[in-house]
Amino acid sequence: MRPIRVAALACGMAALLWAQQFKFNLDHLASKASNAVDVSLNKDMLQFAGKFLNSKNSDEAKAKNLIGGLDGIYIKSFEFARDGEWTQADLDQVRSQLKAPEWGRIIGVKATEDKENVEVFVRTEAGKVTGIAVLATDPREFTVANIVGNISLDSLADLGGQFGLPRMQNTPTTPTPKKKD
């Protein structure tokens, strides 16, 4: 009887770890932070939240459709009163989990002047995107986000402004004509 319980527990733990694709062992930063945000929405919570989105509103309808394929949204964000509260080791601990062959970095932005860094990683399985991770830091902020599930990169921007995710600005695909004086 005991081996069956151990096997059941192991399967349950594996399912939990699968939903959140990497570990956010960042609780030690919460005590140092002047502001902290912790969003943990599993599939059931996303489906529940989706019920409050208005299908008649085009933006909300797109977001509702997209979350139908998601298994979770997990975000930890910390803001600090002074520089140096988080360390490179904190960032490396997260980054070390985002390695090939499952994960690949698709965006890396480093602003030397204001010391802001943003990295975006994509997890693929059988040619489909099954996860996105975003690491965003500056001397006084540290943010990690993980979006889990079948994700269409084309429609990902539709989640902006929903569930604590920042709104992405649309860039025009055609140039704007200049006004004649």
Protein backbone atom coordinates (compact mmCIF):
# COMPACT_ATOMS: atom_id res chain seq x y z
CA MET A 1 0.00 0.00 0.00
CA ARG A 2 2.81 2.41 0.86
CA PRO A 3 4.51 2.21 -2.62
CA ILE A 4 1.20 3.18 -4.23
CA ARG A 5 0.93 6.28 -2.02
CA VAL A 6 4.52 7.25 -2.81
CA ALA A 7 3.87 6.81 -6.54
CA ALA A 8 0.67 8.87 -6.33
CA LEU A 9 2.46 11.62 -4.43
CA ALA A 10 5.30 11.63 -6.97
CA CYS A 11 2.82 11.91 -9.85
CA GLY A 12 1.05 14.77 -8.11
CA MET A 13 4.31 16.63 -7.51
CA ALA A 14 5.34 16.09 -11.14
CA ALA A 15 2.04 17.57 -12.30
CA LEU A 16 2.59 20.64 -10.11
CA LEU A 17 6.11 21.13 -11.40
CA TRP A 18 4.91 20.69 -14.97
CA ALA A 19 2.43 23.55 -14.61
CA GLN A 20 5.12 25.97 -13.51
CA GLN A 21 7.97 25.10 -15.83
CA PHE A 22 10.80 26.29 -13.62
CA LYS A 23 11.25 27.15 -9.97
CA PHE A 24 11.01 30.68 -8.58
CA ASN A 25 13.02 30.24 -5.38
CA LEU A 26 12.94 33.98 -4.75
CA ASP A 27 11.10 34.22 -1.42
CA HIS A 28 14.23 35.62 0.23
CA LEU A 29 13.83 38.75 -1.93
CA ALA A 30 10.34 39.49 -0.62
CA SER A 31 11.65 40.51 2.81
CA LYS A 32 14.07 42.99 1.20
CA ALA A 33 11.54 44.45 -1.25
CA SER A 34 9.64 47.67 -0.72
CA ASN A 35 6.96 46.33 -3.11
CA ALA A 36 6.31 42.75 -4.17
CA VAL A 37 3.86 41.19 -6.62
CA ASP A 38 3.14 37.45 -6.69
CA VAL A 39 0.73 36.19 -9.35
CA SER A 40 0.03 32.46 -9.45
CA LEU A 41 -2.83 31.52 -11.76
CA ASN A 42 -3.15 27.83 -12.61
CA LYS A 43 -5.40 26.52 -15.39
CA ASP A 44 -8.50 26.40 -13.16
CA MET A 45 -7.97 29.99 -11.97
CA LEU A 46 -7.42 31.20 -15.56
CA GLN A 47 -10.63 29.52 -16.68
CA PHE A 48 -12.47 31.12 -13.76
CA ALA A 49 -10.98 34.54 -14.55
CA GLY A 50 -11.90 34.07 -18.21
CA LYS A 51 -15.55 33.95 -17.23
CA PHE A 52 -15.31 37.64 -16.26
CA LEU A 53 -14.00 38.66 -19.68
CA ASN A 54 -16.61 40.12 -22.01
CA SER A 55 -16.79 38.14 -25.27
CA LYS A 56 -18.43 41.14 -26.95
CA ASN A 57 -15.33 43.30 -26.33
CA SER A 58 -12.81 42.37 -29.05
CA ASP A 59 -9.71 42.72 -26.82
CA GLU A 60 -11.25 40.73 -23.98
CA ALA A 61 -12.56 38.10 -26.42
CA LYS A 62 -9.04 37.61 -27.81
CA ALA A 63 -7.61 37.28 -24.30
CA LYS A 64 -10.37 34.82 -23.37
CA ASN A 65 -9.58 32.69 -26.42
CA LEU A 66 -5.86 32.70 -25.70
CA ILE A 67 -6.16 31.72 -22.03
CA GLY A 68 -8.18 28.69 -23.12
CA GLY A 69 -4.88 27.07 -24.13
CA LEU A 70 -2.88 28.18 -21.11
CA ASP A 71 -1.99 26.06 -18.12
CA GLY A 72 -0.77 28.93 -15.95
CA ILE A 73 0.63 32.41 -15.50
CA TYR A 74 3.23 32.84 -12.76
CA ILE A 75 4.86 36.18 -11.97
CA LYS A 76 7.11 37.37 -9.17
CA SER A 77 8.16 40.99 -9.18
CA PHE A 78 10.14 42.88 -6.56
CA GLU A 79 10.89 46.58 -6.24
CA PHE A 80 13.63 47.72 -3.88
CA ALA A 81 14.32 51.01 -2.11
CA ARG A 82 18.03 50.90 -2.96
CA ASP A 83 20.46 49.23 -5.37
CA GLY A 84 22.12 45.91 -4.56
CA GLU A 85 19.24 44.14 -2.80
CA TRP A 86 19.20 41.34 -5.38
CA THR A 87 22.36 39.65 -6.66
CA GLN A 88 23.58 38.18 -9.92
CA ALA A 89 23.31 34.78 -8.22
CA ASP A 90 19.53 35.33 -7.89
CA LEU A 91 19.28 35.93 -11.63
CA ASP A 92 21.64 33.07 -12.49
CA GLN A 93 19.55 30.67 -10.36
CA VAL A 94 16.54 31.35 -12.60
CA ARG A 95 18.46 31.67 -15.87
CA SER A 96 20.24 28.32 -15.33
CA GLN A 97 16.88 26.54 -15.64
CA LEU A 98 16.16 28.06 -19.05
CA LYS A 99 18.57 25.98 -21.12
CA ALA A 100 18.47 24.11 -24.43
CA PRO A 101 17.11 21.88 -25.74
CA GLU A 102 13.72 22.81 -24.20
CA TRP A 103 14.32 26.53 -23.78
CA GLY A 104 15.84 29.06 -26.16
CA ARG A 105 16.49 32.76 -25.66
CA ILE A 106 14.80 34.79 -28.37
CA ILE A 107 15.30 38.33 -27.03
CA GLY A 108 18.07 39.89 -25.00
CA VAL A 109 18.09 43.63 -24.30
CA LYS A 110 20.80 45.28 -22.22
CA ALA A 111 20.67 49.02 -21.60
CA THR A 112 24.07 49.97 -20.23
CA GLU A 113 23.20 53.52 -19.21
CA ASP A 114 20.25 52.71 -16.94
CA LYS A 115 21.35 49.10 -16.29
CA GLU A 116 18.05 47.62 -17.44
CA ASN A 117 18.06 44.07 -18.80
CA VAL A 118 15.27 42.05 -20.39
CA GLU A 119 15.48 38.48 -21.62
CA VAL A 120 12.71 36.46 -23.22
CA PHE A 121 12.94 32.68 -23.46
CA VAL A 122 10.62 30.32 -25.34
CA ARG A 123 10.01 26.67 -24.52
CA THR A 124 9.15 24.43 -27.45
CA GLU A 125 7.95 20.87 -27.75
CA ALA A 126 7.41 19.15 -31.10
CA GLY A 127 7.66 22.51 -32.86
CA LYS A 128 4.99 24.19 -30.71
CA VAL A 129 5.52 26.95 -28.18
CA THR A 130 4.57 25.59 -24.73
CA GLY A 131 6.03 28.27 -22.50
CA ILE A 132 7.44 31.76 -22.31
CA ALA A 133 9.71 33.12 -19.61
CA VAL A 134 10.57 36.78 -19.14
CA LEU A 135 13.37 38.05 -16.90
CA ALA A 136 13.45 41.82 -16.41
CA THR A 137 15.87 43.55 -14.07
CA ASP A 138 17.36 46.87 -13.18
CA PRO A 139 19.29 47.84 -10.03
CA ARG A 140 16.06 48.29 -8.05
CA GLU A 141 13.69 45.83 -9.73
CA PHE A 142 13.65 42.09 -10.33
CA THR A 143 10.82 40.42 -12.27
CA VAL A 144 10.34 36.84 -13.46
CA ALA A 145 7.29 35.72 -15.43
CA ASN A 146 6.35 32.30 -16.79
CA ILE A 147 3.41 31.75 -19.13
CA VAL A 148 2.69 28.03 -19.50
CA GLY A 149 0.66 26.24 -22.16
CA ASN A 150 0.05 26.21 -25.88
CA ILE A 151 0.88 29.74 -26.92
CA SER A 152 0.47 31.47 -30.24
CA LEU A 153 3.19 34.11 -30.33
CA ASP A 154 1.05 36.14 -32.76
CA SER A 155 -1.77 36.41 -30.24
CA LEU A 156 0.36 36.75 -27.09
CA ALA A 157 0.13 40.54 -27.19
CA ASP A 158 -3.62 40.14 -26.64
CA LEU A 159 -2.93 39.14 -23.02
CA GLY A 160 -1.32 42.52 -22.33
CA GLY A 161 -3.20 44.43 -19.67
CA GLN A 162 -4.81 41.22 -18.36
CA PHE A 163 -3.82 39.13 -15.30
CA GLY A 164 -1.02 41.47 -14.23
CA LEU A 165 0.83 41.31 -17.56
CA PRO A 166 1.97 44.62 -19.06
CA ARG A 167 0.18 45.90 -22.16
CA MET A 168 2.32 45.67 -25.28
CA GLN A 169 2.29 48.68 -27.55
CA ASN A 170 1.37 47.94 -31.15
CA THR A 171 3.78 49.29 -33.68
CA PRO A 172 2.38 50.34 -37.03
CA THR A 173 3.32 48.08 -39.92
CA THR A 174 3.02 50.84 -42.49
CA PRO A 175 4.59 54.27 -42.17
CA THR A 176 2.32 57.12 -41.14
CA PRO A 177 2.00 59.72 -43.92
CA LYS A 178 3.49 63.10 -43.11
CA LYS A 179 1.23 66.13 -42.89
CA LYS A 180 1.62 68.77 -45.55
CA ASP A 181 2.31 72.24 -44.23
